[in-house]
Structures are given as C-alpha cells and as structure tokens.
Amino acid sequence: ISLIKDKDGISVTIEDNGKGFDVHQKMQKAGGMGLKNIIARVEYLKGSVEFDSQPGKGTLVAIHIPENRMN
C-alpha cells in the first residue's frame, strides 16, 4: 500500500501477489459491486481509478484524487 500527497493531489496504490481476477468479467457481474462502488466514489471526487489484475497474477489498484478536490 502506498499513499502519496503532492502538489498534484493524492495517489494511492494497492498491490498484492494474490490470486487475481478478470477485471472485465468482475465488472459485468453483480459480484463486482465493490469495484463499482470504488469507481463511483473516486469519480465523485473527479479522480481516476485503474484496476490491473489477471487470474493467478495478483492485483494492482491505482487511485488519483486531484488537489482541487481536497480543499
């Protein structure tokens, strides 16, 4: 887990070497509500979120919230 605040905003990176998952498949299923909830909260703050995962390869989640949303 990494949390960095700089002049551009806040960046959060969460990475593991776990079992991973198919991001596109998870987003299509009702079981992907957790991912959709993360996306909705980050979008509300005008930020961006990226998911990178594959079965058997672990997962990386990268979130960025711009500075102008933190004031």
PDB file of N, CA and C in Angstrom:
ATOM      1  N   ILE A   1       0.856  -1.172   0.000  1.00  0.00           N
ATOM      2  CA  ILE A   1       0.000   0.000   0.000  1.00  0.00           C
ATOM      3  C   ILE A   1       0.900   1.232   0.000  1.00  0.00           C
ATOM      4  N   SER A   2       0.602   2.161  -0.883  1.00  0.00           N
ATOM      5  CA  SER A   2       1.350   3.406  -0.968  1.00  0.00           C
ATOM      6  C   SER A   2       0.363   4.560  -1.002  1.00  0.00           C
ATOM      7  N   LEU A   3       0.632   5.605  -0.207  1.00  0.00           N
ATOM      8  CA  LEU A   3      -0.186   6.816  -0.177  1.00  0.00           C
ATOM      9  C   LEU A   3       0.760   8.002  -0.299  1.00  0.00           C
ATOM     10  N   ILE A   4       0.575   8.788  -1.360  1.00  0.00           N
ATOM     11  CA  ILE A   4       1.461   9.926  -1.617  1.00  0.00           C
ATOM     12  C   ILE A   4       0.614  11.173  -1.830  1.00  0.00           C
ATOM     13  N   LYS A   5       0.938  12.246  -1.092  1.00  0.00           N
ATOM     14  CA  LYS A   5       0.307  13.545  -1.310  1.00  0.00           C
ATOM     15  C   LYS A   5       1.376  14.487  -1.822  1.00  0.00           C
ATOM     16  N   ASP A   6       1.083  15.120  -2.952  1.00  0.00           N
ATOM     17  CA  ASP A   6       1.993  16.113  -3.503  1.00  0.00           C
ATOM     18  C   ASP A   6       1.179  17.269  -4.062  1.00  0.00           C
ATOM     19  N   LYS A   7       1.825  18.169  -4.797  1.00  0.00           N
ATOM     20  CA  LYS A   7       1.126  19.348  -5.319  1.00  0.00           C
ATOM     21  C   LYS A   7       0.006  18.998  -6.297  1.00  0.00           C
ATOM     22  N   ASP A   8       0.047  17.798  -6.881  1.00  0.00           N
ATOM     23  CA  ASP A   8      -0.974  17.387  -7.847  1.00  0.00           C
ATOM     24  C   ASP A   8      -2.195  16.750  -7.185  1.00  0.00           C
ATOM     25  N   GLY A   9      -2.058  16.287  -5.946  1.00  0.00           N
ATOM     26  CA  GLY A   9      -3.177  15.639  -5.266  1.00  0.00           C
ATOM     27  C   GLY A   9      -2.704  14.458  -4.443  1.00  0.00           C
ATOM     28  N   ILE A  10      -3.570  13.486  -4.327  1.00  0.00           N
ATOM     29  CA  ILE A  10      -3.277  12.269  -3.566  1.00  0.00           C
ATOM     30  C   ILE A  10      -3.296  11.076  -4.508  1.00  0.00           C
ATOM     31  N   SER A  11      -2.281  10.235  -4.389  1.00  0.00           N
ATOM     32  CA  SER A  11      -2.227   8.993  -5.157  1.00  0.00           C
ATOM     33  C   SER A  11      -2.152   7.825  -4.188  1.00  0.00           C
ATOM     34  N   VAL A  12      -2.970   6.833  -4.430  1.00  0.00           N
ATOM     35  CA  VAL A  12      -3.000   5.626  -3.616  1.00  0.00           C
ATOM     36  C   VAL A  12      -2.771   4.441  -4.545  1.00  0.00           C
ATOM     37  N   THR A  13      -1.860   3.577  -4.157  1.00  0.00           N
ATOM     38  CA  THR A  13      -1.610   2.356  -4.913  1.00  0.00           C
ATOM     39  C   THR A  13      -1.704   1.180  -3.958  1.00  0.00           C
ATOM     40  N   ILE A  14      -2.485   0.204  -4.327  1.00  0.00           N
ATOM     41  CA  ILE A  14      -2.643  -1.019  -3.542  1.00  0.00           C
ATOM     42  C   ILE A  14      -2.297  -2.171  -4.466  1.00  0.00           C
ATOM     43  N   GLU A  15      -1.361  -3.006  -4.039  1.00  0.00           N
ATOM     44  CA  GLU A  15      -0.891  -4.097  -4.895  1.00  0.00           C
ATOM     45  C   GLU A  15      -0.690  -5.353  -4.059  1.00  0.00           C
ATOM     46  N   ASP A  16      -1.046  -6.483  -4.646  1.00  0.00           N
ATOM     47  CA  ASP A  16      -0.773  -7.759  -3.983  1.00  0.00           C
ATOM     48  C   ASP A  16      -0.335  -8.796  -5.006  1.00  0.00           C
ATOM     49  N   ASN A  17       0.129  -9.903  -4.512  1.00  0.00           N
ATOM     50  CA  ASN A  17       0.527 -11.002  -5.394  1.00  0.00           C
ATOM     51  C   ASN A  17      -0.398 -12.195  -5.195  1.00  0.00           C
ATOM     52  N   GLY A  18      -1.668 -11.890  -4.908  1.00  0.00           N
ATOM     53  CA  GLY A  18      -2.661 -12.926  -4.647  1.00  0.00           C
ATOM     54  C   GLY A  18      -3.149 -13.637  -5.896  1.00  0.00           C
ATOM     55  N   LYS A  19      -4.352 -14.168  -5.809  1.00  0.00           N
ATOM     56  CA  LYS A  19      -4.871 -14.995  -6.898  1.00  0.00           C
ATOM     57  C   LYS A  19      -5.369 -14.197  -8.098  1.00  0.00           C
ATOM     58  N   GLY A  20      -5.613 -12.896  -7.921  1.00  0.00           N
ATOM     59  CA  GLY A  20      -6.054 -12.066  -9.036  1.00  0.00           C
ATOM     60  C   GLY A  20      -7.453 -12.418  -9.528  1.00  0.00           C
ATOM     61  N   PHE A  21      -7.927 -11.682 -10.528  1.00  0.00           N
ATOM     62  CA  PHE A  21      -9.256 -11.913 -11.099  1.00  0.00           C
ATOM     63  C   PHE A  21      -9.331 -11.255 -12.467  1.00  0.00           C
ATOM     64  N   ASP A  22     -10.340 -11.609 -13.230  1.00  0.00           N
ATOM     65  CA  ASP A  22     -10.590 -10.998 -14.532  1.00  0.00           C
ATOM     66  C   ASP A  22     -11.406  -9.727 -14.294  1.00  0.00           C
ATOM     67  N   VAL A  23     -10.800  -8.578 -14.442  1.00  0.00           N
ATOM     68  CA  VAL A  23     -11.440  -7.296 -14.141  1.00  0.00           C
ATOM     69  C   VAL A  23     -12.712  -7.105 -14.958  1.00  0.00           C
ATOM     70  N   HIS A  24     -12.643  -7.352 -16.252  1.00  0.00           N
ATOM     71  CA  HIS A  24     -13.802  -7.136 -17.118  1.00  0.00           C
ATOM     72  C   HIS A  24     -14.961  -8.047 -16.735  1.00  0.00           C
ATOM     73  N   GLN A  25     -14.675  -9.286 -16.429  1.00  0.00           N
ATOM     74  CA  GLN A  25     -15.719 -10.220 -16.033  1.00  0.00           C
ATOM     75  C   GLN A  25     -16.330  -9.794 -14.703  1.00  0.00           C
ATOM     76  N   LYS A  26     -15.508  -9.373 -13.752  1.00  0.00           N
ATOM     77  CA  LYS A  26     -15.990  -8.960 -12.439  1.00  0.00           C
ATOM     78  C   LYS A  26     -16.878  -7.730 -12.537  1.00  0.00           C
ATOM     79  N   MET A  27     -16.549  -6.815 -13.434  1.00  0.00           N
ATOM     80  CA  MET A  27     -17.347  -5.605 -13.608  1.00  0.00           C
ATOM     81  C   MET A  27     -18.711  -5.910 -14.225  1.00  0.00           C
ATOM     82  N   GLN A  28     -18.813  -6.982 -14.987  1.00  0.00           N
ATOM     83  CA  GLN A  28     -20.064  -7.351 -15.625  1.00  0.00           C
ATOM     84  C   GLN A  28     -21.033  -8.032 -14.661  1.00  0.00           C
ATOM     85  N   LYS A  29     -20.503  -8.674 -13.640  1.00  0.00           N
ATOM     86  CA  LYS A  29     -21.323  -9.438 -12.710  1.00  0.00           C
ATOM     87  C   LYS A  29     -21.804  -8.565 -11.567  1.00  0.00           C
ATOM     88  N   ALA A  30     -22.905  -8.970 -10.942  1.00  0.00           N
ATOM     89  CA  ALA A  30     -23.389  -8.293  -9.736  1.00  0.00           C
ATOM     90  C   ALA A  30     -22.354  -8.380  -8.624  1.00  0.00           C
ATOM     91  N   GLY A  31     -21.501  -9.407  -8.662  1.00  0.00           N
ATOM     92  CA  GLY A  31     -20.455  -9.568  -7.662  1.00  0.00           C
ATOM     93  C   GLY A  31     -19.401  -8.486  -7.730  1.00  0.00           C
ATOM     94  N   GLY A  32     -19.444  -7.669  -8.767  1.00  0.00           N
ATOM     95  CA  GLY A  32     -18.488  -6.589  -8.921  1.00  0.00           C
ATOM     96  C   GLY A  32     -18.946  -5.283  -8.294  1.00  0.00           C
ATOM     97  N   MET A  33     -19.929  -5.324  -7.423  1.00  0.00           N
ATOM     98  CA  MET A  33     -20.446  -4.101  -6.808  1.00  0.00           C
ATOM     99  C   MET A  33     -19.375  -3.372  -6.002  1.00  0.00           C
ATOM    100  N   GLY A  34     -18.459  -4.089  -5.387  1.00  0.00           N
ATOM    101  CA  GLY A  34     -17.386  -3.440  -4.634  1.00  0.00           C
ATOM    102  C   GLY A  34     -16.525  -2.578  -5.542  1.00  0.00           C
ATOM    103  N   LEU A  35     -16.193  -3.105  -6.710  1.00  0.00           N
ATOM    104  CA  LEU A  35     -15.402  -2.340  -7.671  1.00  0.00           C
ATOM    105  C   LEU A  35     -16.188  -1.137  -8.180  1.00  0.00           C
ATOM    106  N   LYS A  36     -17.460  -1.343  -8.469  1.00  0.00           N
ATOM    107  CA  LYS A  36     -18.294  -0.239  -8.947  1.00  0.00           C
ATOM    108  C   LYS A  36     -18.435   0.842  -7.884  1.00  0.00           C
ATOM    109  N   ASN A  37     -18.492   0.447  -6.613  1.00  0.00           N
ATOM    110  CA  ASN A  37     -18.579   1.401  -5.520  1.00  0.00           C
ATOM    111  C   ASN A  37     -17.299   2.237  -5.435  1.00  0.00           C
ATOM    112  N   ILE A  38     -16.146   1.602  -5.565  1.00  0.00           N
ATOM    113  CA  ILE A  38     -14.872   2.329  -5.562  1.00  0.00           C
ATOM    114  C   ILE A  38     -14.851   3.331  -6.707  1.00  0.00           C
ATOM    115  N   ILE A  39     -15.227   2.896  -7.895  1.00  0.00           N
ATOM    116  CA  ILE A  39     -15.232   3.771  -9.072  1.00  0.00           C
ATOM    117  C   ILE A  39     -16.153   4.966  -8.851  1.00  0.00           C
ATOM    118  N   ALA A  40     -17.350   4.735  -8.336  1.00  0.00           N
ATOM    119  CA  ALA A  40     -18.315   5.813  -8.117  1.00  0.00           C
ATOM    120  C   ALA A  40     -17.779   6.845  -7.120  1.00  0.00           C
ATOM    121  N   ARG A  41     -17.148   6.397  -6.045  1.00  0.00           N
ATOM    122  CA  ARG A  41     -16.617   7.326  -5.035  1.00  0.00           C
ATOM    123  C   ARG A  41     -15.454   8.151  -5.594  1.00  0.00           C
ATOM    124  N   VAL A  42     -14.589   7.519  -6.366  1.00  0.00           N
ATOM    125  CA  VAL A  42     -13.452   8.233  -6.947  1.00  0.00           C
ATOM    126  C   VAL A  42     -13.946   9.217  -8.004  1.00  0.00           C
ATOM    127  N   GLU A  43     -14.907   8.818  -8.826  1.00  0.00           N
ATOM    128  CA  GLU A  43     -15.458   9.722  -9.838  1.00  0.00           C
ATOM    129  C   GLU A  43     -16.132  10.925  -9.194  1.00  0.00           C
ATOM    130  N   TYR A  44     -16.800  10.737  -8.066  1.00  0.00           N
ATOM    131  CA  TYR A  44     -17.439  11.831  -7.338  1.00  0.00           C
ATOM    132  C   TYR A  44     -16.400  12.898  -6.974  1.00  0.00           C
ATOM    133  N   LEU A  45     -15.184  12.464  -6.668  1.00  0.00           N
ATOM    134  CA  LEU A  45     -14.094  13.374  -6.314  1.00  0.00           C
ATOM    135  C   LEU A  45     -13.307  13.838  -7.536  1.00  0.00           C
ATOM    136  N   LYS A  46     -13.829  13.557  -8.732  1.00  0.00           N
ATOM    137  CA  LYS A  46     -13.194  13.921 -10.005  1.00  0.00           C
ATOM    138  C   LYS A  46     -11.823  13.280 -10.167  1.00  0.00           C
ATOM    139  N   GLY A  47     -11.667  12.107  -9.581  1.00  0.00           N
ATOM    140  CA  GLY A  47     -10.405  11.388  -9.657  1.00  0.00           C
ATOM    141  C   GLY A  47     -10.448  10.288 -10.698  1.00  0.00           C
ATOM    142  N   SER A  48      -9.398   9.488 -10.679  1.00  0.00           N
ATOM    143  CA  SER A  48      -9.309   8.360 -11.605  1.00  0.00           C
ATOM    144  C   SER A  48      -8.916   7.113 -10.826  1.00  0.00           C
ATOM    145  N   VAL A  49      -9.362   5.978 -11.330  1.00  0.00           N
ATOM    146  CA  VAL A  49      -9.019   4.697 -10.719  1.00  0.00           C
ATOM    147  C   VAL A  49      -8.744   3.694 -11.832  1.00  0.00           C
ATOM    148  N   GLU A  50      -7.718   2.891 -11.623  1.00  0.00           N
ATOM    149  CA  GLU A  50      -7.372   1.839 -12.585  1.00  0.00           C
ATOM    150  C   GLU A  50      -7.206   0.529 -11.836  1.00  0.00           C
ATOM    151  N   PHE A  51      -7.721  -0.528 -12.429  1.00  0.00           N
ATOM    152  CA  PHE A  51      -7.565  -1.879 -11.889  1.00  0.00           C
ATOM    153  C   PHE A  51      -6.738  -2.676 -12.891  1.00  0.00           C
ATOM    154  N   ASP A  52      -5.726  -3.354 -12.398  1.00  0.00           N
ATOM    155  CA  ASP A  52      -4.932  -4.233 -13.250  1.00  0.00           C
ATOM    156  C   ASP A  52      -4.818  -5.568 -12.527  1.00  0.00           C
ATOM    157  N   SER A  53      -5.439  -6.586 -13.091  1.00  0.00           N
ATOM    158  CA  SER A  53      -5.415  -7.903 -12.467  1.00  0.00           C
ATOM    159  C   SER A  53      -5.671  -8.967 -13.521  1.00  0.00           C
ATOM    160  N   GLN A  54      -5.123 -10.136 -13.272  1.00  0.00           N
ATOM    161  CA  GLN A  54      -5.370 -11.305 -14.096  1.00  0.00           C
ATOM    162  C   GLN A  54      -5.382 -12.502 -13.171  1.00  0.00           C
ATOM    163  N   PRO A  55      -6.214 -13.488 -13.480  1.00  0.00           N
ATOM    164  CA  PRO A  55      -6.214 -14.688 -12.643  1.00  0.00           C
ATOM    165  C   PRO A  55      -4.800 -15.266 -12.505  1.00  0.00           C
ATOM    166  N   GLY A  56      -4.398 -15.507 -11.268  1.00  0.00           N
ATOM    167  CA  GLY A  56      -3.089 -16.061 -10.983  1.00  0.00           C
ATOM    168  C   GLY A  56      -1.951 -15.051 -10.969  1.00  0.00           C
ATOM    169  N   LYS A  57      -2.250 -13.780 -11.181  1.00  0.00           N
ATOM    170  CA  LYS A  57      -1.184 -12.771 -11.317  1.00  0.00           C
ATOM    171  C   LYS A  57      -1.237 -11.657 -10.271  1.00  0.00           C
ATOM    172  N   GLY A  58      -2.161 -11.686  -9.327  1.00  0.00           N
ATOM    173  CA  GLY A  58      -2.253 -10.608  -8.342  1.00  0.00           C
ATOM    174  C   GLY A  58      -3.080  -9.441  -8.864  1.00  0.00           C
ATOM    175  N   THR A  59      -3.112  -8.363  -8.067  1.00  0.00           N
ATOM    176  CA  THR A  59      -3.956  -7.220  -8.389  1.00  0.00           C
ATOM    177  C   THR A  59      -3.234  -5.924  -8.063  1.00  0.00           C
ATOM    178  N   LEU A  60      -3.468  -4.907  -8.899  1.00  0.00           N
ATOM    179  CA  LEU A  60      -2.984  -3.559  -8.654  1.00  0.00           C
ATOM    180  C   LEU A  60      -4.163  -2.614  -8.808  1.00  0.00           C
ATOM    181  N   VAL A  61      -4.364  -1.761  -7.800  1.00  0.00           N
ATOM    182  CA  VAL A  61      -5.385  -0.718  -7.858  1.00  0.00           C
ATOM    183  C   VAL A  61      -4.658   0.610  -7.695  1.00  0.00           C
ATOM    184  N   ALA A  62      -4.840   1.524  -8.654  1.00  0.00           N
ATOM    185  CA  ALA A  62      -4.207   2.841  -8.605  1.00  0.00           C
ATOM    186  C   ALA A  62      -5.302   3.909  -8.626  1.00  0.00           C
ATOM    187  N   ILE A  63      -5.291   4.770  -7.606  1.00  0.00           N
ATOM    188  CA  ILE A  63      -6.292   5.829  -7.471  1.00  0.00           C
ATOM    189  C   ILE A  63      -5.565   7.163  -7.408  1.00  0.00           C
ATOM    190  N   HIS A  64      -6.111   8.165  -8.104  1.00  0.00           N
ATOM    191  CA  HIS A  64      -5.573   9.522  -8.005  1.00  0.00           C
ATOM    192  C   HIS A  64      -6.726  10.492  -7.799  1.00  0.00           C
ATOM    193  N   ILE A  65      -6.608  11.330  -6.756  1.00  0.00           N
ATOM    194  CA  ILE A  65      -7.582  12.389  -6.485  1.00  0.00           C
ATOM    195  C   ILE A  65      -6.841  13.709  -6.672  1.00  0.00           C
ATOM    196  N   PRO A  66      -7.308  14.565  -7.600  1.00  0.00           N
ATOM    197  CA  PRO A  66      -6.597  15.821  -7.866  1.00  0.00           C
ATOM    198  C   PRO A  66      -6.672  16.793  -6.688  1.00  0.00           C
ATOM    199  N   GLU A  67      -5.681  17.654  -6.588  1.00  0.00           N
ATOM    200  CA  GLU A  67      -5.558  18.628  -5.497  1.00  0.00           C
ATOM    201  C   GLU A  67      -6.807  19.488  -5.329  1.00  0.00           C
ATOM    202  N   ASN A  68      -7.380  19.951  -6.427  1.00  0.00           N
ATOM    203  CA  ASN A  68      -8.521  20.871  -6.333  1.00  0.00           C
ATOM    204  C   ASN A  68      -9.750  20.244  -5.681  1.00  0.00           C
ATOM    205  N   ARG A  69      -9.796  18.939  -5.494  1.00  0.00           N
ATOM    206  CA  ARG A  69     -10.934  18.268  -4.848  1.00  0.00           C
ATOM    207  C   ARG A  69     -10.721  18.098  -3.353  1.00  0.00           C
ATOM    208  N   MET A  70      -9.573  18.456  -2.835  1.00  0.00           N
ATOM    209  CA  MET A  70      -9.277  18.229  -1.432  1.00  0.00           C
ATOM    210  C   MET A  70      -9.446  19.488  -0.598  1.00  0.00           C
ATOM    211  N   ASN A  71      -9.797  20.597  -1.188  1.00  0.00           N
ATOM    212  CA  ASN A  71      -9.946  21.851  -0.447  1.00  0.00           C
ATOM    213  C   ASN A  71     -11.361  22.078  -0.011  1.00  0.00           C
TER     214      ASN A  71
END
